[in-house]
Amino acid sequence: MPGGLEPALIPERVMVCMSSAEDAPRVLRTGARIAGRLGARWYAVYVETPQEAPGRIEPDDRDALARNIALAESLGATVVRVTADRPADGLIAFASAKASPTSSSGSRRVHASRSCGRDRH
């Protein structure tokens, strides 16, 4: 390269939004594949909203979330629980803190707050 400068190597990190939704396993597996292809560390982020606090979350949702957490861990994710009023706010805060250049939140046609958690406002 001219001037002897070489591009800096920036480690890739992948953030995957996780919830109790039935499509979460597909999103987690996709995130694991992307991270594997990039040779990247990846995070499965669950945003706990006030409606999903431990004493308020529906039993079926709690059980589905526990299964999804176990799946994410088995796929090699670092599982992170963030507390925020809205899923999007929690994801933005986490991504800003980790400076994650790659994220996955489900279908591109679905807004992150719908695929990651339930906005019940």
PDB file of N, CA and C in Angstrom:
ATOM      1  N   MET A   1       0.835  -1.183   0.000  1.00  0.00           N
ATOM      2  CA  MET A   1       0.000   0.000   0.000  1.00  0.00           C
ATOM      3  C   MET A   1       0.879   1.246   0.000  1.00  0.00           C
ATOM      4  N   PRO A   2       0.407   2.344  -0.608  1.00  0.00           N
ATOM      5  CA  PRO A   2       1.172   3.572  -0.623  1.00  0.00           C
ATOM      6  C   PRO A   2       1.407   4.094   0.788  1.00  0.00           C
ATOM      7  N   GLY A   3       2.592   4.583   1.028  1.00  0.00           N
ATOM      8  CA  GLY A   3       2.894   5.170   2.326  1.00  0.00           C
ATOM      9  C   GLY A   3       3.060   4.159   3.433  1.00  0.00           C
ATOM     10  N   GLY A   4       3.001   2.860   3.132  1.00  0.00           N
ATOM     11  CA  GLY A   4       3.197   1.840   4.137  1.00  0.00           C
ATOM     12  C   GLY A   4       2.035   1.651   5.093  1.00  0.00           C
ATOM     13  N   LEU A   5       0.885   2.262   4.817  1.00  0.00           N
ATOM     14  CA  LEU A   5      -0.272   2.107   5.703  1.00  0.00           C
ATOM     15  C   LEU A   5      -1.062   0.863   5.325  1.00  0.00           C
ATOM     16  N   GLU A   6      -1.452   0.113   6.295  1.00  0.00           N
ATOM     17  CA  GLU A   6      -2.281  -1.060   6.071  1.00  0.00           C
ATOM     18  C   GLU A   6      -3.610  -0.852   6.772  1.00  0.00           C
ATOM     19  N   PRO A   7      -4.688  -1.407   6.228  1.00  0.00           N
ATOM     20  CA  PRO A   7      -5.988  -1.233   6.887  1.00  0.00           C
ATOM     21  C   PRO A   7      -5.979  -1.850   8.281  1.00  0.00           C
ATOM     22  N   ALA A   8      -6.621  -1.162   9.205  1.00  0.00           N
ATOM     23  CA  ALA A   8      -6.721  -1.672  10.570  1.00  0.00           C
ATOM     24  C   ALA A   8      -7.669  -2.861  10.597  1.00  0.00           C
ATOM     25  N   LEU A   9      -7.332  -3.836  11.387  1.00  0.00           N
ATOM     26  CA  LEU A   9      -8.220  -4.981  11.559  1.00  0.00           C
ATOM     27  C   LEU A   9      -9.188  -4.667  12.687  1.00  0.00           C
ATOM     28  N   ILE A  10     -10.445  -4.623  12.361  1.00  0.00           N
ATOM     29  CA  ILE A  10     -11.480  -4.340  13.351  1.00  0.00           C
ATOM     30  C   ILE A  10     -12.214  -5.643  13.628  1.00  0.00           C
ATOM     31  N   PRO A  11     -12.191  -6.087  14.873  1.00  0.00           N
ATOM     32  CA  PRO A  11     -12.883  -7.350  15.169  1.00  0.00           C
ATOM     33  C   PRO A  11     -14.392  -7.201  14.975  1.00  0.00           C
ATOM     34  N   GLU A  12     -14.964  -8.150  14.280  1.00  0.00           N
ATOM     35  CA  GLU A  12     -16.403  -8.160  14.063  1.00  0.00           C
ATOM     36  C   GLU A  12     -17.118  -8.686  15.304  1.00  0.00           C
ATOM     37  N   ARG A  13     -18.275  -8.121  15.565  1.00  0.00           N
ATOM     38  CA  ARG A  13     -19.166  -8.609  16.612  1.00  0.00           C
ATOM     39  C   ARG A  13     -20.572  -8.596  16.023  1.00  0.00           C
ATOM     40  N   VAL A  14     -21.349  -9.597  16.374  1.00  0.00           N
ATOM     41  CA  VAL A  14     -22.706  -9.710  15.857  1.00  0.00           C
ATOM     42  C   VAL A  14     -23.664  -9.650  17.035  1.00  0.00           C
ATOM     43  N   MET A  15     -24.692  -8.823  16.905  1.00  0.00           N
ATOM     44  CA  MET A  15     -25.727  -8.703  17.923  1.00  0.00           C
ATOM     45  C   MET A  15     -27.021  -9.260  17.340  1.00  0.00           C
ATOM     46  N   VAL A  16     -27.615 -10.208  18.049  1.00  0.00           N
ATOM     47  CA  VAL A  16     -28.881 -10.798  17.637  1.00  0.00           C
ATOM     48  C   VAL A  16     -29.907 -10.498  18.714  1.00  0.00           C
ATOM     49  N   CYS A  17     -31.027  -9.989  18.287  1.00  0.00           N
ATOM     50  CA  CYS A  17     -32.110  -9.683  19.211  1.00  0.00           C
ATOM     51  C   CYS A  17     -32.845 -10.977  19.551  1.00  0.00           C
ATOM     52  N   MET A  18     -33.060 -11.212  20.841  1.00  0.00           N
ATOM     53  CA  MET A  18     -33.697 -12.456  21.271  1.00  0.00           C
ATOM     54  C   MET A  18     -34.950 -12.137  22.083  1.00  0.00           C
ATOM     55  N   SER A  19     -35.959 -12.954  21.918  1.00  0.00           N
ATOM     56  CA  SER A  19     -37.193 -12.779  22.675  1.00  0.00           C
ATOM     57  C   SER A  19     -37.834 -14.138  22.908  1.00  0.00           C
ATOM     58  N   SER A  20     -39.064 -14.099  23.380  1.00  0.00           N
ATOM     59  CA  SER A  20     -39.824 -15.334  23.561  1.00  0.00           C
ATOM     60  C   SER A  20     -40.627 -15.671  22.305  1.00  0.00           C
ATOM     61  N   ALA A  21     -40.490 -14.886  21.251  1.00  0.00           N
ATOM     62  CA  ALA A  21     -41.249 -15.095  20.019  1.00  0.00           C
ATOM     63  C   ALA A  21     -40.915 -16.441  19.389  1.00  0.00           C
ATOM     64  N   GLU A  22     -41.889 -17.002  18.677  1.00  0.00           N
ATOM     65  CA  GLU A  22     -41.693 -18.323  18.090  1.00  0.00           C
ATOM     66  C   GLU A  22     -40.660 -18.334  16.975  1.00  0.00           C
ATOM     67  N   ASP A  23     -40.354 -17.173  16.370  1.00  0.00           N
ATOM     68  CA  ASP A  23     -39.335 -17.151  15.321  1.00  0.00           C
ATOM     69  C   ASP A  23     -37.931 -16.900  15.870  1.00  0.00           C
ATOM     70  N   ALA A  24     -37.790 -16.749  17.183  1.00  0.00           N
ATOM     71  CA  ALA A  24     -36.481 -16.477  17.790  1.00  0.00           C
ATOM     72  C   ALA A  24     -35.446 -17.571  17.490  1.00  0.00           C
ATOM     73  N   PRO A  25     -35.783 -18.863  17.530  1.00  0.00           N
ATOM     74  CA  PRO A  25     -34.762 -19.871  17.209  1.00  0.00           C
ATOM     75  C   PRO A  25     -34.175 -19.703  15.809  1.00  0.00           C
ATOM     76  N   ARG A  26     -35.015 -19.349  14.832  1.00  0.00           N
ATOM     77  CA  ARG A  26     -34.529 -19.121  13.469  1.00  0.00           C
ATOM     78  C   ARG A  26     -33.567 -17.936  13.444  1.00  0.00           C
ATOM     79  N   VAL A  27     -33.921 -16.868  14.137  1.00  0.00           N
ATOM     80  CA  VAL A  27     -33.073 -15.676  14.182  1.00  0.00           C
ATOM     81  C   VAL A  27     -31.749 -16.006  14.877  1.00  0.00           C
ATOM     82  N   LEU A  28     -31.806 -16.768  15.962  1.00  0.00           N
ATOM     83  CA  LEU A  28     -30.586 -17.152  16.677  1.00  0.00           C
ATOM     84  C   LEU A  28     -29.673 -18.003  15.800  1.00  0.00           C
ATOM     85  N   ARG A  29     -30.248 -18.964  15.085  1.00  0.00           N
ATOM     86  CA  ARG A  29     -29.427 -19.814  14.213  1.00  0.00           C
ATOM     87  C   ARG A  29     -28.796 -19.000  13.077  1.00  0.00           C
ATOM     88  N   THR A  30     -29.553 -18.055  12.546  1.00  0.00           N
ATOM     89  CA  THR A  30     -29.017 -17.182  11.500  1.00  0.00           C
ATOM     90  C   THR A  30     -27.861 -16.351  12.044  1.00  0.00           C
ATOM     91  N   GLY A  31     -28.048 -15.791  13.234  1.00  0.00           N
ATOM     92  CA  GLY A  31     -26.976 -15.014  13.856  1.00  0.00           C
ATOM     93  C   GLY A  31     -25.731 -15.845  14.100  1.00  0.00           C
ATOM     94  N   ALA A  32     -25.917 -17.087  14.537  1.00  0.00           N
ATOM     95  CA  ALA A  32     -24.776 -17.983  14.772  1.00  0.00           C
ATOM     96  C   ALA A  32     -24.037 -18.264  13.467  1.00  0.00           C
ATOM     97  N   ARG A  33     -24.791 -18.463  12.378  1.00  0.00           N
ATOM     98  CA  ARG A  33     -24.165 -18.702  11.067  1.00  0.00           C
ATOM     99  C   ARG A  33     -23.376 -17.485  10.603  1.00  0.00           C
ATOM    100  N   ILE A  34     -23.964 -16.307  10.748  1.00  0.00           N
ATOM    101  CA  ILE A  34     -23.277 -15.079  10.337  1.00  0.00           C
ATOM    102  C   ILE A  34     -21.994 -14.912  11.146  1.00  0.00           C
ATOM    103  N   ALA A  35     -22.095 -15.083  12.455  1.00  0.00           N
ATOM    104  CA  ALA A  35     -20.912 -14.945  13.315  1.00  0.00           C
ATOM    105  C   ALA A  35     -19.848 -15.963  12.933  1.00  0.00           C
ATOM    106  N   GLY A  36     -20.271 -17.184  12.634  1.00  0.00           N
ATOM    107  CA  GLY A  36     -19.324 -18.223  12.234  1.00  0.00           C
ATOM    108  C   GLY A  36     -18.600 -17.881  10.945  1.00  0.00           C
ATOM    109  N   ARG A  37     -19.333 -17.365   9.992  1.00  0.00           N
ATOM    110  CA  ARG A  37     -18.728 -16.987   8.708  1.00  0.00           C
ATOM    111  C   ARG A  37     -17.749 -15.827   8.873  1.00  0.00           C
ATOM    112  N   LEU A  38     -18.057 -14.927   9.802  1.00  0.00           N
ATOM    113  CA  LEU A  38     -17.185 -13.780  10.036  1.00  0.00           C
ATOM    114  C   LEU A  38     -16.066 -14.091  11.021  1.00  0.00           C
ATOM    115  N   GLY A  39     -16.175 -15.234  11.685  1.00  0.00           N
ATOM    116  CA  GLY A  39     -15.220 -15.539  12.747  1.00  0.00           C
ATOM    117  C   GLY A  39     -15.374 -14.550  13.889  1.00  0.00           C
ATOM    118  N   ALA A  40     -16.626 -14.177  14.158  1.00  0.00           N
ATOM    119  CA  ALA A  40     -16.923 -13.098  15.103  1.00  0.00           C
ATOM    120  C   ALA A  40     -17.511 -13.614  16.408  1.00  0.00           C
ATOM    121  N   ARG A  41     -17.317 -12.849  17.436  1.00  0.00           N
ATOM    122  CA  ARG A  41     -18.011 -13.074  18.703  1.00  0.00           C
ATOM    123  C   ARG A  41     -19.441 -12.576  18.503  1.00  0.00           C
ATOM    124  N   TRP A  42     -20.402 -13.290  19.133  1.00  0.00           N
ATOM    125  CA  TRP A  42     -21.765 -12.803  18.964  1.00  0.00           C
ATOM    126  C   TRP A  42     -22.537 -12.780  20.264  1.00  0.00           C
ATOM    127  N   TYR A  43     -23.503 -11.880  20.300  1.00  0.00           N
ATOM    128  CA  TYR A  43     -24.312 -11.622  21.483  1.00  0.00           C
ATOM    129  C   TYR A  43     -25.780 -11.840  21.147  1.00  0.00           C
ATOM    130  N   ALA A  44     -26.472 -12.570  21.990  1.00  0.00           N
ATOM    131  CA  ALA A  44     -27.927 -12.699  21.913  1.00  0.00           C
ATOM    132  C   ALA A  44     -28.467 -11.785  23.004  1.00  0.00           C
ATOM    133  N   VAL A  45     -29.127 -10.724  22.593  1.00  0.00           N
ATOM    134  CA  VAL A  45     -29.563  -9.689  23.532  1.00  0.00           C
ATOM    135  C   VAL A  45     -31.066  -9.786  23.751  1.00  0.00           C
ATOM    136  N   TYR A  46     -31.441  -9.933  25.005  1.00  0.00           N
ATOM    137  CA  TYR A  46     -32.854  -9.928  25.398  1.00  0.00           C
ATOM    138  C   TYR A  46     -33.132  -8.629  26.124  1.00  0.00           C
ATOM    139  N   VAL A  47     -34.102  -7.869  25.625  1.00  0.00           N
ATOM    140  CA  VAL A  47     -34.479  -6.614  26.267  1.00  0.00           C
ATOM    141  C   VAL A  47     -35.703  -6.872  27.129  1.00  0.00           C
ATOM    142  N   GLU A  48     -35.502  -6.762  28.435  1.00  0.00           N
ATOM    143  CA  GLU A  48     -36.604  -6.962  29.379  1.00  0.00           C
ATOM    144  C   GLU A  48     -37.334  -5.636  29.555  1.00  0.00           C
ATOM    145  N   THR A  49     -38.572  -5.597  29.108  1.00  0.00           N
ATOM    146  CA  THR A  49     -39.404  -4.411  29.262  1.00  0.00           C
ATOM    147  C   THR A  49     -40.186  -4.520  30.567  1.00  0.00           C
ATOM    148  N   PRO A  50     -40.782  -3.426  31.033  1.00  0.00           N
ATOM    149  CA  PRO A  50     -41.574  -3.512  32.272  1.00  0.00           C
ATOM    150  C   PRO A  50     -42.669  -4.577  32.204  1.00  0.00           C
ATOM    151  N   GLN A  51     -43.238  -4.790  31.018  1.00  0.00           N
ATOM    152  CA  GLN A  51     -44.296  -5.795  30.865  1.00  0.00           C
ATOM    153  C   GLN A  51     -43.756  -7.216  30.981  1.00  0.00           C
ATOM    154  N   GLU A  52     -42.451  -7.382  30.806  1.00  0.00           N
ATOM    155  CA  GLU A  52     -41.853  -8.718  30.862  1.00  0.00           C
ATOM    156  C   GLU A  52     -40.940  -8.892  32.067  1.00  0.00           C
ATOM    157  N   ALA A  53     -41.132  -8.053  33.071  1.00  0.00           N
ATOM    158  CA  ALA A  53     -40.352  -8.190  34.306  1.00  0.00           C
ATOM    159  C   ALA A  53     -40.661  -9.558  34.918  1.00  0.00           C
ATOM    160  N   PRO A  54     -39.733 -10.106  35.704  1.00  0.00           N
ATOM    161  CA  PRO A  54     -39.923 -11.463  36.233  1.00  0.00           C
ATOM    162  C   PRO A  54     -41.289 -11.736  36.861  1.00  0.00           C
ATOM    163  N   GLY A  55     -41.870 -10.808  37.554  1.00  0.00           N
ATOM    164  CA  GLY A  55     -43.166 -11.052  38.179  1.00  0.00           C
ATOM    165  C   GLY A  55     -44.347 -10.832  37.261  1.00  0.00           C
ATOM    166  N   ARG A  56     -44.102 -10.306  36.057  1.00  0.00           N
ATOM    167  CA  ARG A  56     -45.204  -9.954  35.168  1.00  0.00           C
ATOM    168  C   ARG A  56     -45.244 -10.750  33.868  1.00  0.00           C
ATOM    169  N   ILE A  57     -44.149 -11.387  33.491  1.00  0.00           N
ATOM    170  CA  ILE A  57     -44.100 -12.110  32.219  1.00  0.00           C
ATOM    171  C   ILE A  57     -45.025 -13.323  32.270  1.00  0.00           C
ATOM    172  N   GLU A  58     -45.709 -13.567  31.171  1.00  0.00           N
ATOM    173  CA  GLU A  58     -46.617 -14.710  31.078  1.00  0.00           C
ATOM    174  C   GLU A  58     -45.812 -16.012  31.193  1.00  0.00           C
ATOM    175  N   PRO A  59     -46.354 -17.036  31.863  1.00  0.00           N
ATOM    176  CA  PRO A  59     -45.616 -18.301  32.020  1.00  0.00           C
ATOM    177  C   PRO A  59     -45.161 -18.924  30.697  1.00  0.00           C
ATOM    178  N   ASP A  60     -46.012 -18.907  29.665  1.00  0.00           N
ATOM    179  CA  ASP A  60     -45.621 -19.474  28.373  1.00  0.00           C
ATOM    180  C   ASP A  60     -44.462 -18.694  27.766  1.00  0.00           C
ATOM    181  N   ASP A  61     -44.508 -17.364  27.893  1.00  0.00           N
ATOM    182  CA  ASP A  61     -43.427 -16.528  27.371  1.00  0.00           C
ATOM    183  C   ASP A  61     -42.138 -16.770  28.153  1.00  0.00           C
ATOM    184  N   ARG A  62     -42.255 -16.914  29.462  1.00  0.00           N
ATOM    185  CA  ARG A  62     -41.079 -17.173  30.309  1.00  0.00           C
ATOM    186  C   ARG A  62     -40.412 -18.493  29.906  1.00  0.00           C
ATOM    187  N   ASP A  63     -41.228 -19.523  29.670  1.00  0.00           N
ATOM    188  CA  ASP A  63     -40.686 -20.825  29.277  1.00  0.00           C
ATOM    189  C   ASP A  63     -40.034 -20.767  27.895  1.00  0.00           C
ATOM    190  N   ALA A  64     -40.682 -20.080  26.953  1.00  0.00           N
ATOM    191  CA  ALA A  64     -40.113 -19.935  25.606  1.00  0.00           C
ATOM    192  C   ALA A  64     -38.801 -19.157  25.667  1.00  0.00           C
ATOM    193  N   LEU A  65     -38.764 -18.126  26.487  1.00  0.00           N
ATOM    194  CA  LEU A  65     -37.534 -17.347  26.634  1.00  0.00           C
ATOM    195  C   LEU A  65     -36.408 -18.202  27.205  1.00  0.00           C
ATOM    196  N   ALA A  66     -36.716 -19.010  28.194  1.00  0.00           N
ATOM    197  CA  ALA A  66     -35.695 -19.893  28.786  1.00  0.00           C
ATOM    198  C   ALA A  66     -35.152 -20.867  27.740  1.00  0.00           C
ATOM    199  N   ARG A  67     -36.036 -21.405  26.896  1.00  0.00           N
ATOM    200  CA  ARG A  67     -35.581 -22.311  25.815  1.00  0.00           C
ATOM    201  C   ARG A  67     -34.694 -21.562  24.822  1.00  0.00           C
ATOM    202  N   ASN A  68     -35.077 -20.338  24.499  1.00  0.00           N
ATOM    203  CA  ASN A  68     -34.296 -19.556  23.542  1.00  0.00           C
ATOM    204  C   ASN A  68     -32.936 -19.164  24.116  1.00  0.00           C
ATOM    205  N   ILE A  69     -32.883 -18.863  25.405  1.00  0.00           N
ATOM    206  CA  ILE A  69     -31.603 -18.560  26.062  1.00  0.00           C
ATOM    207  C   ILE A  69     -30.702 -19.793  26.008  1.00  0.00           C
ATOM    208  N   ALA A  70     -31.263 -20.958  26.324  1.00  0.00           N
ATOM    209  CA  ALA A  70     -30.478 -22.198  26.283  1.00  0.00           C
ATOM    210  C   ALA A  70     -29.967 -22.476  24.863  1.00  0.00           C
ATOM    211  N   LEU A  71     -30.808 -22.239  23.865  1.00  0.00           N
ATOM    212  CA  LEU A  71     -30.395 -22.442  22.479  1.00  0.00           C
ATOM    213  C   LEU A  71     -29.254 -21.489  22.122  1.00  0.00           C
ATOM    214  N   ALA A  72     -29.407 -20.227  22.468  1.00  0.00           N
ATOM    215  CA  ALA A  72     -28.364 -19.239  22.156  1.00  0.00           C
ATOM    216  C   ALA A  72     -27.033 -19.632  22.784  1.00  0.00           C
ATOM    217  N   GLU A  73     -27.074 -20.049  24.038  1.00  0.00           N
ATOM    218  CA  GLU A  73     -25.840 -20.472  24.714  1.00  0.00           C
ATOM    219  C   GLU A  73     -25.241 -21.704  24.037  1.00  0.00           C
ATOM    220  N   SER A  74     -26.091 -22.645  23.635  1.00  0.00           N
ATOM    221  CA  SER A  74     -25.581 -23.855  22.985  1.00  0.00           C
ATOM    222  C   SER A  74     -24.965 -23.548  21.623  1.00  0.00           C
ATOM    223  N   LEU A  75     -25.382 -22.450  20.998  1.00  0.00           N
ATOM    224  CA  LEU A  75     -24.840 -22.038  19.708  1.00  0.00           C
ATOM    225  C   LEU A  75     -23.611 -21.138  19.854  1.00  0.00           C
ATOM    226  N   GLY A  76     -23.226 -20.863  21.104  1.00  0.00           N
ATOM    227  CA  GLY A  76     -22.006 -20.091  21.339  1.00  0.00           C
ATOM    228  C   GLY A  76     -22.187 -18.617  21.594  1.00  0.00           C
ATOM    229  N   ALA A  77     -23.414 -18.175  21.791  1.00  0.00           N
ATOM    230  CA  ALA A  77     -23.655 -16.753  22.035  1.00  0.00           C
ATOM    231  C   ALA A  77     -23.315 -16.365  23.467  1.00  0.00           C
ATOM    232  N   THR A  78     -22.954 -15.114  23.627  1.00  0.00           N
ATOM    233  CA  THR A  78     -22.916 -14.505  24.948  1.00  0.00           C
ATOM    234  C   THR A  78     -24.301 -13.902  25.131  1.00  0.00           C
ATOM    235  N   VAL A  79     -25.069 -14.427  26.071  1.00  0.00           N
ATOM    236  CA  VAL A  79     -26.432 -13.955  26.289  1.00  0.00           C
ATOM    237  C   VAL A  79     -26.397 -12.763  27.239  1.00  0.00           C
ATOM    238  N   VAL A  80     -27.069 -11.697  26.817  1.00  0.00           N
ATOM    239  CA  VAL A  80     -27.093 -10.460  27.591  1.00  0.00           C
ATOM    240  C   VAL A  80     -28.538 -10.059  27.812  1.00  0.00           C
ATOM    241  N   ARG A  81     -28.867  -9.705  29.052  1.00  0.00           N
ATOM    242  CA  ARG A  81     -30.205  -9.203  29.380  1.00  0.00           C
ATOM    243  C   ARG A  81     -30.069  -7.712  29.664  1.00  0.00           C
ATOM    244  N   VAL A  82     -30.849  -6.914  28.941  1.00  0.00           N
ATOM    245  CA  VAL A  82     -30.847  -5.464  29.080  1.00  0.00           C
ATOM    246  C   VAL A  82     -32.236  -5.046  29.524  1.00  0.00           C
ATOM    247  N   THR A  83     -32.324  -4.085  30.403  1.00  0.00           N
ATOM    248  CA  THR A  83     -33.621  -3.569  30.844  1.00  0.00           C
ATOM    249  C   THR A  83     -33.866  -2.218  30.199  1.00  0.00           C
ATOM    250  N   ALA A  84     -35.038  -2.067  29.571  1.00  0.00           N
ATOM    251  CA  ALA A  84     -35.409  -0.807  28.941  1.00  0.00           C
ATOM    252  C   ALA A  84     -36.928  -0.753  28.806  1.00  0.00           C
ATOM    253  N   ASP A  85     -37.460   0.446  28.644  1.00  0.00           N
ATOM    254  CA  ASP A  85     -38.898   0.591  28.458  1.00  0.00           C
ATOM    255  C   ASP A  85     -39.354   0.038  27.113  1.00  0.00           C
ATOM    256  N   ARG A  86     -38.500   0.174  26.101  1.00  0.00           N
ATOM    257  CA  ARG A  86     -38.819  -0.320  24.759  1.00  0.00           C
ATOM    258  C   ARG A  86     -37.652  -1.150  24.240  1.00  0.00           C
ATOM    259  N   PRO A  87     -37.927  -2.255  23.528  1.00  0.00           N
ATOM    260  CA  PRO A  87     -36.840  -3.089  23.012  1.00  0.00           C
ATOM    261  C   PRO A  87     -35.818  -2.317  22.186  1.00  0.00           C
ATOM    262  N   ALA A  88     -36.286  -1.441  21.310  1.00  0.00           N
ATOM    263  CA  ALA A  88     -35.356  -0.701  20.455  1.00  0.00           C
ATOM    264  C   ALA A  88     -34.373   0.118  21.285  1.00  0.00           C
ATOM    265  N   ASP A  89     -34.844   0.730  22.374  1.00  0.00           N
ATOM    266  CA  ASP A  89     -33.962   1.535  23.224  1.00  0.00           C
ATOM    267  C   ASP A  89     -32.870   0.678  23.860  1.00  0.00           C
ATOM    268  N   GLY A  90     -33.243  -0.502  24.316  1.00  0.00           N
ATOM    269  CA  GLY A  90     -32.266  -1.390  24.928  1.00  0.00           C
ATOM    270  C   GLY A  90     -31.233  -1.878  23.933  1.00  0.00           C
ATOM    271  N   LEU A  91     -31.672  -2.189  22.716  1.00  0.00           N
ATOM    272  CA  LEU A  91     -30.749  -2.650  21.682  1.00  0.00           C
ATOM    273  C   LEU A  91     -29.781  -1.547  21.273  1.00  0.00           C
ATOM    274  N   ILE A  92     -30.298  -0.334  21.128  1.00  0.00           N
ATOM    275  CA  ILE A  92     -29.433   0.788  20.761  1.00  0.00           C
ATOM    276  C   ILE A  92     -28.392   1.031  21.837  1.00  0.00           C
ATOM    277  N   ALA A  93     -28.805   0.985  23.095  1.00  0.00           N
ATOM    278  CA  ALA A  93     -27.859   1.203  24.197  1.00  0.00           C
ATOM    279  C   ALA A  93     -26.780   0.120  24.204  1.00  0.00           C
ATOM    280  N   PHE A  94     -27.183  -1.130  24.025  1.00  0.00           N
ATOM    281  CA  PHE A  94     -26.201  -2.212  24.020  1.00  0.00           C
ATOM    282  C   PHE A  94     -25.264  -2.091  22.827  1.00  0.00           C
ATOM    283  N   ALA A  95     -25.817  -1.858  21.638  1.00  0.00           N
ATOM    284  CA  ALA A  95     -24.990  -1.746  20.432  1.00  0.00           C
ATOM    285  C   ALA A  95     -24.018  -0.575  20.557  1.00  0.00           C
ATOM    286  N   SER A  96     -24.464   0.517  21.126  1.00  0.00           N
ATOM    287  CA  SER A  96     -23.579   1.668  21.312  1.00  0.00           C
ATOM    288  C   SER A  96     -22.435   1.333  22.260  1.00  0.00           C
ATOM    289  N   ALA A  97     -22.742   0.603  23.309  1.00  0.00           N
ATOM    290  CA  ALA A  97     -21.713   0.235  24.286  1.00  0.00           C
ATOM    291  C   ALA A  97     -20.701  -0.738  23.696  1.00  0.00           C
ATOM    292  N   LYS A  98     -21.170  -1.645  22.842  1.00  0.00           N
ATOM    293  CA  LYS A  98     -20.294  -2.658  22.255  1.00  0.00           C
ATOM    294  C   LYS A  98     -19.818  -2.271  20.859  1.00  0.00           C
ATOM    295  N   ALA A  99     -20.367  -1.184  20.297  1.00  0.00           N
ATOM    296  CA  ALA A  99     -20.026  -0.747  18.937  1.00  0.00           C
ATOM    297  C   ALA A  99     -20.136  -1.898  17.955  1.00  0.00           C
ATOM    298  N   SER A 100     -21.277  -2.595  17.982  1.00  0.00           N
ATOM    299  CA  SER A 100     -21.497  -3.759  17.125  1.00  0.00           C
ATOM    300  C   SER A 100     -21.771  -3.326  15.691  1.00  0.00           C
ATOM    301  N   PRO A 101     -20.891  -3.683  14.747  1.00  0.00           N
ATOM    302  CA  PRO A 101     -21.130  -3.294  13.364  1.00  0.00           C
ATOM    303  C   PRO A 101     -22.150  -4.164  12.643  1.00  0.00           C
ATOM    304  N   THR A 102     -22.467  -5.331  13.159  1.00  0.00           N
ATOM    305  CA  THR A 102     -23.383  -6.251  12.493  1.00  0.00           C
ATOM    306  C   THR A 102     -24.469  -6.652  13.473  1.00  0.00           C
ATOM    307  N   SER A 103     -25.732  -6.537  13.055  1.00  0.00           N
ATOM    308  CA  SER A 103     -26.822  -6.938  13.942  1.00  0.00           C
ATOM    309  C   SER A 103     -27.873  -7.684  13.141  1.00  0.00           C
ATOM    310  N   SER A 104     -28.680  -8.462  13.849  1.00  0.00           N
ATOM    311  CA  SER A 104     -29.762  -9.211  13.226  1.00  0.00           C
ATOM    312  C   SER A 104     -30.961  -9.138  14.143  1.00  0.00           C
ATOM    313  N   SER A 105     -32.104  -8.795  13.573  1.00  0.00           N
ATOM    314  CA  SER A 105     -33.299  -8.695  14.405  1.00  0.00           C
ATOM    315  C   SER A 105     -34.474  -9.412  13.785  1.00  0.00           C
ATOM    316  N   GLY A 106     -34.235 -10.366  12.933  1.00  0.00           N
ATOM    317  CA  GLY A 106     -35.323 -11.090  12.303  1.00  0.00           C
ATOM    318  C   GLY A 106     -35.498 -10.624  10.872  1.00  0.00           C
ATOM    319  N   SER A 107     -36.681 -10.784  10.361  1.00  0.00           N
ATOM    320  CA  SER A 107     -36.970 -10.403   8.984  1.00  0.00           C
ATOM    321  C   SER A 107     -36.679  -8.938   8.747  1.00  0.00           C
ATOM    322  N   ARG A 108     -36.115  -8.615   7.601  1.00  0.00           N
ATOM    323  CA  ARG A 108     -35.810  -7.225   7.275  1.00  0.00           C
ATOM    324  C   ARG A 108     -37.072  -6.393   7.181  1.00  0.00           C
ATOM    325  N   ARG A 109     -38.178  -7.031   6.954  1.00  0.00           N
ATOM    326  CA  ARG A 109     -39.440  -6.314   6.833  1.00  0.00           C
ATOM    327  C   ARG A 109     -40.106  -6.087   8.192  1.00  0.00           C
ATOM    328  N   VAL A 110     -39.524  -6.598   9.248  1.00  0.00           N
ATOM    329  CA  VAL A 110     -40.116  -6.478  10.574  1.00  0.00           C
ATOM    330  C   VAL A 110     -39.266  -5.539  11.409  1.00  0.00           C
ATOM    331  N   HIS A 111     -39.881  -4.544  11.997  1.00  0.00           N
ATOM    332  CA  HIS A 111     -39.166  -3.593  12.841  1.00  0.00           C
ATOM    333  C   HIS A 111     -38.572  -4.323  14.042  1.00  0.00           C
ATOM    334  N   ALA A 112     -37.405  -3.887  14.483  1.00  0.00           N
ATOM    335  CA  ALA A 112     -36.690  -4.572  15.570  1.00  0.00           C
ATOM    336  C   ALA A 112     -37.547  -4.745  16.806  1.00  0.00           C
ATOM    337  N   SER A 113     -38.368  -3.767  17.151  1.00  0.00           N
ATOM    338  CA  SER A 113     -39.151  -3.891  18.381  1.00  0.00           C
ATOM    339  C   SER A 113     -40.217  -4.972  18.257  1.00  0.00           C
ATOM    340  N   ARG A 114     -40.665  -5.291  17.047  1.00  0.00           N
ATOM    341  CA  ARG A 114     -41.637  -6.368  16.872  1.00  0.00           C
ATOM    342  C   ARG A 114     -40.974  -7.728  16.901  1.00  0.00           C
ATOM    343  N   SER A 115     -39.804  -7.852  16.305  1.00  0.00           N
ATOM    344  CA  SER A 115     -39.186  -9.168  16.241  1.00  0.00           C
ATOM    345  C   SER A 115     -38.418  -9.495  17.508  1.00  0.00           C
ATOM    346  N   CYS A 116     -38.082  -8.488  18.279  1.00  0.00           N
ATOM    347  CA  CYS A 116     -37.264  -8.714  19.458  1.00  0.00           C
ATOM    348  C   CYS A 116     -38.102  -8.779  20.728  1.00  0.00           C
ATOM    349  N   GLY A 117     -39.168  -8.085  20.775  1.00  0.00           N
ATOM    350  CA  GLY A 117     -39.972  -8.073  21.986  1.00  0.00           C
ATOM    351  C   GLY A 117     -41.344  -7.544  21.647  1.00  0.00           C
ATOM    352  N   ARG A 118     -42.142  -7.481  22.619  1.00  0.00           N
ATOM    353  CA  ARG A 118     -43.503  -7.031  22.394  1.00  0.00           C
ATOM    354  C   ARG A 118     -43.684  -5.646  22.972  1.00  0.00           C
ATOM    355  N   ASP A 119     -43.842  -4.658  22.094  1.00  0.00           N
ATOM    356  CA  ASP A 119     -44.182  -3.316  22.559  1.00  0.00           C
ATOM    357  C   ASP A 119     -45.667  -3.330  22.887  1.00  0.00           C
ATOM    358  N   ARG A 120     -45.986  -3.249  24.146  1.00  0.00           N
ATOM    359  CA  ARG A 120     -47.403  -3.318  24.564  1.00  0.00           C
ATOM    360  C   ARG A 120     -47.878  -1.968  25.050  1.00  0.00           C
ATOM    361  N   HIS A 121     -47.400  -0.925  24.414  1.00  0.00           N
ATOM    362  CA  HIS A 121     -47.795   0.433  24.817  1.00  0.00           C
ATOM    363  C   HIS A 121     -49.080   0.815  24.141  1.00  0.00           C
TER     364      HIS A 121
END
